[in-house]
C-alpha atoms as a PDB file:
ATOM      1  CA  MET A   1     125.278 181.041 124.856  1.00  0.00           C
ATOM      2  CA  PHE A   2     122.530 179.847 122.610  1.00  0.00           C
ATOM      3  CA  THR A   3     119.442 179.007 124.507  1.00  0.00           C
ATOM      4  CA  LYS A   4     115.885 178.724 123.510  1.00  0.00           C
ATOM      5  CA  PRO A   5     113.200 180.404 125.336  1.00  0.00           C
ATOM      6  CA  LYS A   6     110.878 177.895 126.923  1.00  0.00           C
ATOM      7  CA  GLU A   7     107.736 179.563 125.663  1.00  0.00           C
ATOM      8  CA  ALA A   8     108.765 179.494 122.049  1.00  0.00           C
ATOM      9  CA  ALA A   9     107.131 177.040 119.713  1.00  0.00           C
ATOM     10  CA  PRO A  10     109.206 173.968 118.960  1.00  0.00           C
ATOM     11  CA  GLU A  11     111.186 174.126 115.793  1.00  0.00           C
ATOM     12  CA  VAL A  12     110.071 171.896 112.991  1.00  0.00           C
ATOM     13  CA  PRO A  13     113.038 170.511 111.122  1.00  0.00           C
ATOM     14  CA  ALA A  14     113.144 171.290 107.451  1.00  0.00           C
ATOM     15  CA  THR A  15     112.291 168.328 105.303  1.00  0.00           C
ATOM     16  CA  THR A  16     114.356 167.468 102.328  1.00  0.00           C
ATOM     17  CA  ALA A  17     113.390 164.999  99.671  1.00  0.00           C
ATOM     18  CA  THR A  18     115.780 162.063  99.770  1.00  0.00           C
ATOM     19  CA  ALA A  19     115.474 158.916  97.735  1.00  0.00           C
ATOM     20  CA  THR A  20     115.680 155.852  99.932  1.00  0.00           C
ATOM     21  CA  THR A  21     114.858 152.419  98.661  1.00  0.00           C
ATOM     22  CA  VAL A  22     113.041 150.116 100.967  1.00  0.00           C
ATOM     23  CA  PRO A  23     113.150 146.492  99.883  1.00  0.00           C
ATOM     24  CA  VAL A  24     109.686 145.160  99.229  1.00  0.00           C
ATOM     25  CA  PRO A  25     109.313 141.475 100.084  1.00  0.00           C
ATOM     26  CA  GLN A  26     108.537 139.446  96.996  1.00  0.00           C
ATOM     27  CA  PRO A  27     106.133 136.520  97.153  1.00  0.00           C
ATOM     28  CA  PRO A  28     107.776 133.140  96.520  1.00  0.00           C
ATOM     29  CA  LYS A  29     107.857 132.082  92.914  1.00  0.00           C
ATOM     30  CA  GLN A  30     104.817 130.001  92.103  1.00  0.00           C
ATOM     31  CA  ARG A  31     105.125 126.735  90.235  1.00  0.00           C
ATOM     32  CA  PRO A  32     102.591 125.987  87.564  1.00  0.00           C
ATOM     33  CA  SER A  33      99.296 125.268  89.288  1.00  0.00           C
ATOM     34  CA  ALA A  34      99.117 121.683  88.000  1.00  0.00           C
ATOM     35  CA  THR A  35     102.307 120.475  89.692  1.00  0.00           C
ATOM     36  CA  ARG A  36     102.913 119.829  93.368  1.00  0.00           C
ATOM     37  CA  ALA A  37      99.525 121.054  94.474  1.00  0.00           C
ATOM     38  CA  ALA A  38      97.418 118.895  96.763  1.00  0.00           C
ATOM     39  CA  PRO A  39      97.454 115.316  95.481  1.00  0.00           C
ATOM     40  CA  SER A  40      94.428 113.678  93.907  1.00  0.00           C
ATOM     41  CA  ILE A  41      93.254 110.908  96.243  1.00  0.00           C
ATOM     42  CA  ILE A  42      91.585 107.615  95.377  1.00  0.00           C
ATOM     43  CA  SER A  43      90.110 106.675  98.762  1.00  0.00           C
ATOM     44  CA  ALA A  44      90.056 103.172 100.236  1.00  0.00           C
ATOM     45  CA  ASP A  45      86.385 102.563  99.413  1.00  0.00           C
ATOM     46  CA  LEU A  46      86.725 103.495  95.724  1.00  0.00           C
ATOM     47  CA  VAL A  47      87.187 101.076  92.797  1.00  0.00           C
ATOM     48  CA  VAL A  48      88.258 102.659  89.510  1.00  0.00           C
ATOM     49  CA  THR A  49      88.152 100.808  86.196  1.00  0.00           C
ATOM     50  CA  GLY A  50      90.113 102.516  83.430  1.00  0.00           C
ATOM     51  CA  THR A  51      93.165 104.704  83.004  1.00  0.00           C
ATOM     52  CA  LEU A  52      93.957 107.412  85.567  1.00  0.00           C
ATOM     53  CA  SER A  53      96.064 110.290  84.265  1.00  0.00           C
ATOM     54  CA  SER A  54      97.231 113.412  86.105  1.00  0.00           C
ATOM     55  CA  SER A  55      99.939 116.009  85.544  1.00  0.00           C
ATOM     56  CA  GLY A  56     100.156 116.376  89.337  1.00  0.00           C
ATOM     57  CA  ASP A  57     100.523 113.999  92.258  1.00  0.00           C
ATOM     58  CA  MET A  58      98.203 111.118  93.159  1.00  0.00           C
ATOM     59  CA  GLN A  59      97.638 108.961  96.185  1.00  0.00           C
ATOM     60  CA  VAL A  60      95.865 105.646  95.673  1.00  0.00           C
ATOM     61  CA  ASP A  61      94.366 103.955  98.707  1.00  0.00           C
ATOM     62  CA  GLY A  62      91.616 102.070  96.835  1.00  0.00           C
ATOM     63  CA  ARG A  63      91.604  99.695  93.878  1.00  0.00           C
ATOM     64  CA  VAL A  64      92.518 100.635  90.290  1.00  0.00           C
ATOM     65  CA  GLU A  65      91.875  98.196  87.447  1.00  0.00           C
ATOM     66  CA  GLY A  66      93.799  99.998  84.733  1.00  0.00           C
ATOM     67  CA  ASP A  67      96.888 102.106  84.121  1.00  0.00           C
ATOM     68  CA  VAL A  68      98.005 105.006  86.338  1.00  0.00           C
ATOM     69  CA  HIS A  69     100.032 107.937  84.919  1.00  0.00           C
ATOM     70  CA  SER A  70     101.079 110.875  87.142  1.00  0.00           C
ATOM     71  CA  ALA A  71     103.970 113.080  88.230  1.00  0.00           C
ATOM     72  CA  GLY A  72     104.187 111.621  91.721  1.00  0.00           C
ATOM     73  CA  LEU A  73     102.383 108.538  92.987  1.00  0.00           C
ATOM     74  CA  VAL A  74     101.961 107.082  96.463  1.00  0.00           C
ATOM     75  CA  ILE A  75     100.344 103.640  96.605  1.00  0.00           C
ATOM     76  CA  GLY A  76      98.885 103.102 100.080  1.00  0.00           C
ATOM     77  CA  GLU A  77      99.182  99.913 102.147  1.00  0.00           C
ATOM     78  CA  LYS A  78      95.654  98.677 101.313  1.00  0.00           C
ATOM     79  CA  ALA A  79      95.771  99.817  97.666  1.00  0.00           C
ATOM     80  CA  ILE A  80      95.708  97.476  94.675  1.00  0.00           C
ATOM     81  CA  ILE A  81      96.693  98.526  91.158  1.00  0.00           C
ATOM     82  CA  GLN A  82      96.200  96.063  88.304  1.00  0.00           C
ATOM     83  CA  GLY A  83      97.866  97.737  85.350  1.00  0.00           C
ATOM     84  CA  GLU A  84     100.888  99.750  84.297  1.00  0.00           C
ATOM     85  CA  VAL A  85     102.249 102.489  86.579  1.00  0.00           C
ATOM     86  CA  LEU A  86     104.043 105.395  84.885  1.00  0.00           C
ATOM     87  CA  ALA A  87     105.316 108.337  86.994  1.00  0.00           C
ATOM     88  CA  ASP A  88     108.311 110.489  87.853  1.00  0.00           C
ATOM     89  CA  GLU A  89     108.380 109.274  91.472  1.00  0.00           C
ATOM     90  CA  VAL A  90     106.609 106.216  92.875  1.00  0.00           C
ATOM     91  CA  THR A  91     106.336 105.035  96.479  1.00  0.00           C
ATOM     92  CA  VAL A  92     104.755 101.579  96.755  1.00  0.00           C
ATOM     93  CA  ARG A  93     103.320 100.491 100.092  1.00  0.00           C
ATOM     94  CA  GLY A  94     100.485  98.340  98.693  1.00  0.00           C
ATOM     95  CA  ARG A  95     100.017  95.878  95.831  1.00  0.00           C
ATOM     96  CA  VAL A  96     100.884  96.373  92.143  1.00  0.00           C
ATOM     97  CA  GLU A  97     100.140  93.713  89.532  1.00  0.00           C
ATOM     98  CA  GLY A  98     101.761  95.131  86.412  1.00  0.00           C
ATOM     99  CA  SER A  99     104.836  96.980  85.232  1.00  0.00           C
ATOM    100  CA  ILE A 100     106.236 100.113  86.862  1.00  0.00           C
ATOM    101  CA  ARG A 101     108.189 102.712  84.882  1.00  0.00           C
ATOM    102  CA  ALA A 102     109.499 105.690  86.853  1.00  0.00           C
ATOM    103  CA  ARG A 103     112.530 107.860  87.440  1.00  0.00           C
ATOM    104  CA  LYS A 104     112.551 107.152  91.203  1.00  0.00           C
ATOM    105  CA  ILE A 105     110.982 104.078  92.773  1.00  0.00           C
ATOM    106  CA  LEU A 106     110.751 103.128  96.448  1.00  0.00           C
ATOM    107  CA  LEU A 107     109.411  99.703  97.411  1.00  0.00           C
ATOM    108  CA  CYS A 108     108.411  99.900 101.079  1.00  0.00           C
ATOM    109  CA  SER A 109     108.449  96.952 103.470  1.00  0.00           C
ATOM    110  CA  THR A 110     104.665  96.466 103.160  1.00  0.00           C
ATOM    111  CA  CYS A 111     104.545  96.301  99.339  1.00  0.00           C
ATOM    112  CA  HIS A 112     103.779  93.384  97.031  1.00  0.00           C
ATOM    113  CA  VAL A 113     104.848  93.943  93.409  1.00  0.00           C
ATOM    114  CA  GLU A 114     104.374  91.409  90.620  1.00  0.00           C
ATOM    115  CA  GLY A 115     105.701  92.823  87.376  1.00  0.00           C
ATOM    116  CA  ASN A 116     108.707  94.341  85.650  1.00  0.00           C
ATOM    117  CA  ILE A 117     110.337  97.550  86.863  1.00  0.00           C
ATOM    118  CA  LEU A 118     112.151 100.066  84.658  1.00  0.00           C
ATOM    119  CA  HIS A 119     113.844 102.798  86.713  1.00  0.00           C
ATOM    120  CA  GLU A 120     116.471 105.501  86.954  1.00  0.00           C
ATOM    121  CA  ALA A 121     116.819 105.272  90.765  1.00  0.00           C
ATOM    122  CA  PHE A 122     115.547 102.309  92.783  1.00  0.00           C
ATOM    123  CA  ALA A 123     115.372 101.546  96.520  1.00  0.00           C
ATOM    124  CA  VAL A 124     113.912  98.560  98.352  1.00  0.00           C
ATOM    125  CA  GLU A 125     113.183  98.346 102.074  1.00  0.00           C
ATOM    126  CA  ALA A 126     113.695  95.090 103.975  1.00  0.00           C
ATOM    127  CA  GLY A 127     110.549  92.964 103.853  1.00  0.00           C
ATOM    128  CA  ALA A 128     109.308  94.205 100.470  1.00  0.00           C
ATOM    129  CA  PHE A 129     108.005  91.547  98.056  1.00  0.00           C
ATOM    130  CA  PHE A 130     109.018  91.892  94.404  1.00  0.00           C
ATOM    131  CA  GLU A 131     108.618  89.277  91.679  1.00  0.00           C
ATOM    132  CA  GLY A 132     109.684  90.263  88.207  1.00  0.00           C
ATOM    133  CA  ASN A 133     112.553  91.811  86.310  1.00  0.00           C
ATOM    134  CA  CYS A 134     114.249  95.044  87.261  1.00  0.00           C
ATOM    135  CA  ARG A 135     116.250  97.115  84.791  1.00  0.00           C
ATOM    136  CA  HIS A 136     117.966 100.513  84.944  1.00  0.00           C
ATOM    137  CA  SER A 137     117.301 103.086  82.231  1.00  0.00           C
ATOM    138  CA  ASP A 138     118.439 106.669  81.787  1.00  0.00           C
ATOM    139  CA  SER A 139     114.994 107.524  80.400  1.00  0.00           C
ATOM    140  CA  PRO A 140     112.452 105.042  81.812  1.00  0.00           C
ATOM    141  CA  LEU A 141     109.479 107.180  80.760  1.00  0.00           C
ATOM    142  CA  ALA A 142     110.446 107.315  77.076  1.00  0.00           C
ATOM    143  CA  GLU A 143     108.167 105.501  74.636  1.00  0.00           C
ATOM    144  CA  GLU A 144     110.903 103.277  73.186  1.00  0.00           C
ATOM    145  CA  ASN A 145     111.361 101.743  76.645  1.00  0.00           C
ATOM    146  CA  ALA A 146     107.671 100.858  76.809  1.00  0.00           C
ATOM    147  CA  ARG A 147     108.233  97.929  74.503  1.00  0.00           C
ATOM    148  CA  ARG A 148     109.204  94.713  76.217  1.00  0.00           C
ATOM    149  CA  ASN A 149     112.818  93.645  76.103  1.00  0.00           C
ATOM    150  CA  PRO A 150     112.981  90.025  74.874  1.00  0.00           C
ATOM    151  CA  ALA A 151     116.180  89.434  76.862  1.00  0.00           C
ATOM    152  CA  TYR A 152     114.164  89.675  80.096  1.00  0.00           C
ATOM    153  CA  GLU A 153     111.231  87.520  79.039  1.00  0.00           C
ATOM    154  CA  ARG A 154     110.755  83.867  79.876  1.00  0.00           C
ATOM    155  CA  LYS A 155     111.467  81.679  76.903  1.00  0.00           C
ATOM    156  CA  ASN A 156     108.904  78.922  76.325  1.00  0.00           C
ATOM    157  CA  VAL A 157     110.528  75.863  74.826  1.00  0.00           C
ATOM    158  CA  SER A 158     108.730  72.622  74.060  1.00  0.00           C
ATOM    159  CA  PRO A 159     109.804  69.718  76.295  1.00  0.00           C
ATOM    160  CA  GLY A 160     112.107  67.284  74.558  1.00  0.00           C
ATOM    161  CA  ILE A 161     114.085  69.943  72.675  1.00  0.00           C
ATOM    162  CA  SER A 162     117.818  69.827  73.339  1.00  0.00           C
ATOM    163  CA  GLY A 163     118.915  72.437  75.874  1.00  0.00           C
ATOM    164  CA  ALA A 164     115.522  72.637  77.610  1.00  0.00           C
ATOM    165  CA  ALA A 165     114.951  71.988  81.277  1.00  0.00           C
ATOM    166  CA  VAL A 166     111.588  71.510  82.944  1.00  0.00           C
ATOM    167  CA  THR A 167     110.979  73.593  86.062  1.00  0.00           C
ATOM    168  CA  ASN A 168     108.738  72.841  89.051  1.00  0.00           C
ATOM    169  CA  GLY A 169     105.808  74.505  87.314  1.00  0.00           C
ATOM    170  CA  GLY A 170     106.087  72.118  84.379  1.00  0.00           C
ATOM    171  CA  SER A 171     106.871  74.775  81.773  1.00  0.00           C
ATOM    172  CA  ALA A 172     110.136  74.599  79.925  1.00  0.00           C
ATOM    173  CA  VAL A 173     112.700  77.358  80.055  1.00  0.00           C
ATOM    174  CA  ALA A 174     115.756  77.783  77.878  1.00  0.00           C
ATOM    175  CA  ALA A 175     118.970  76.592  79.477  1.00  0.00           C
ATOM    176  CA  LYS A 176     122.547  77.246  78.451  1.00  0.00           C
ATOM    177  CA  PRO A 177     124.555  74.039  77.971  1.00  0.00           C
ATOM    178  CA  ILE A 178     127.362  73.562  80.482  1.00  0.00           C
ATOM    179  CA  ASP A 179     130.860  73.379  79.051  1.00  0.00           C
ATOM    180  CA  SER A 180     132.344  70.110  80.344  1.00  0.00           C
ATOM    181  CA  ARG A 181     135.882  70.765  79.083  1.00  0.00           C
ATOM    182  CA  PRO A 182     138.466  71.294  81.838  1.00  0.00           C
ATOM    183  CA  ALA A 183     139.591  74.862  82.319  1.00  0.00           C
ATOM    184  CA  SER A 184     143.068  75.560  80.963  1.00  0.00           C
ATOM    185  CA  VAL A 185     145.616  76.773  83.475  1.00  0.00           C
ATOM    186  CA  SER A 186     148.697  78.643  82.402  1.00  0.00           C
ATOM    187  CA  THR A 187     151.705  79.459  84.541  1.00  0.00           C
ATOM    188  CA  ALA A 188     154.159  82.219  83.902  1.00  0.00           C
ATOM    189  CA  ALA A 189     157.870  81.359  83.898  1.00  0.00           C
END
């Protein structure tokens, strides 16, 4: 029936213009360059005196004598911070002598913290050392929470004043008088 001669030139199919869309891969959305980039590192042999402030992440392995403010903060096992820590997320493996205010705080088993903690979420590993007051806040980074809460402070009372008790350290602390009246018991008929 229909056959092509073998010597004939091959037929070139007619081209028609058709619109086909090929998906072009999009690069991932970039965050602002200041956040979640490589962290700023204070190495173990560095001593910093003054306030450290970063809009990104920081890792402290050395010594800081001053306040530290950052988005994310990791305090290494050999690190020492003497000052206030203010960050969105804090992981403490080393030593902090001062208050910590953060949305999320993790005290690792190797940490030593002496100071008050104001947090939104708080976790403590077994073996962590913490001496101070701990309080939850919906907005721990807000300025009004920066002021000290007198309810959590030690009350100094002169010895000899009624209602005062002397502790092992010799300083007086306020004590609530004990009610010596017997508790009333009621029975239902």
